[in-house]
Amino acid sequence: GLRDSFDSFELDWQVTGAGSLFRIHPHGRPIRSYRDAMHSSDESQFMLNFQQRLLEREVYFSGYGMGCLNLATSDLDIKHFLAAVDDTLKVMVAR
């Protein structure tokens, strides 16, 4: 769902993760090591603003771009999260 959101806003962003853990990377650089995953200062600022706007939509998300799911996460929770991401990107990303 996140990749679909990024595509719809024509963002060259990535999602990585394993199991229940995931991370949003607000860039399209190849990720081969932890250094490649580090955010630039502009990307860090964007992610902190992204986090704040998600909080306004009742979603807690790490300012570093990390998230996790657990057994209590329902389909409705995931739909709410994806809708909040879409709403946030509509505000933050000029088309």
Foldseek 3Di string as FASTA:
>chain_A
DVVVLCVVLVFLKDWDDDDFKIFIQRHNFDDDDVVSRDDDPVLLVVLLQLQVQLVVLVDHADSSGMDGDDPPQDPVNVVSSVVSSNVSCVVVRDD
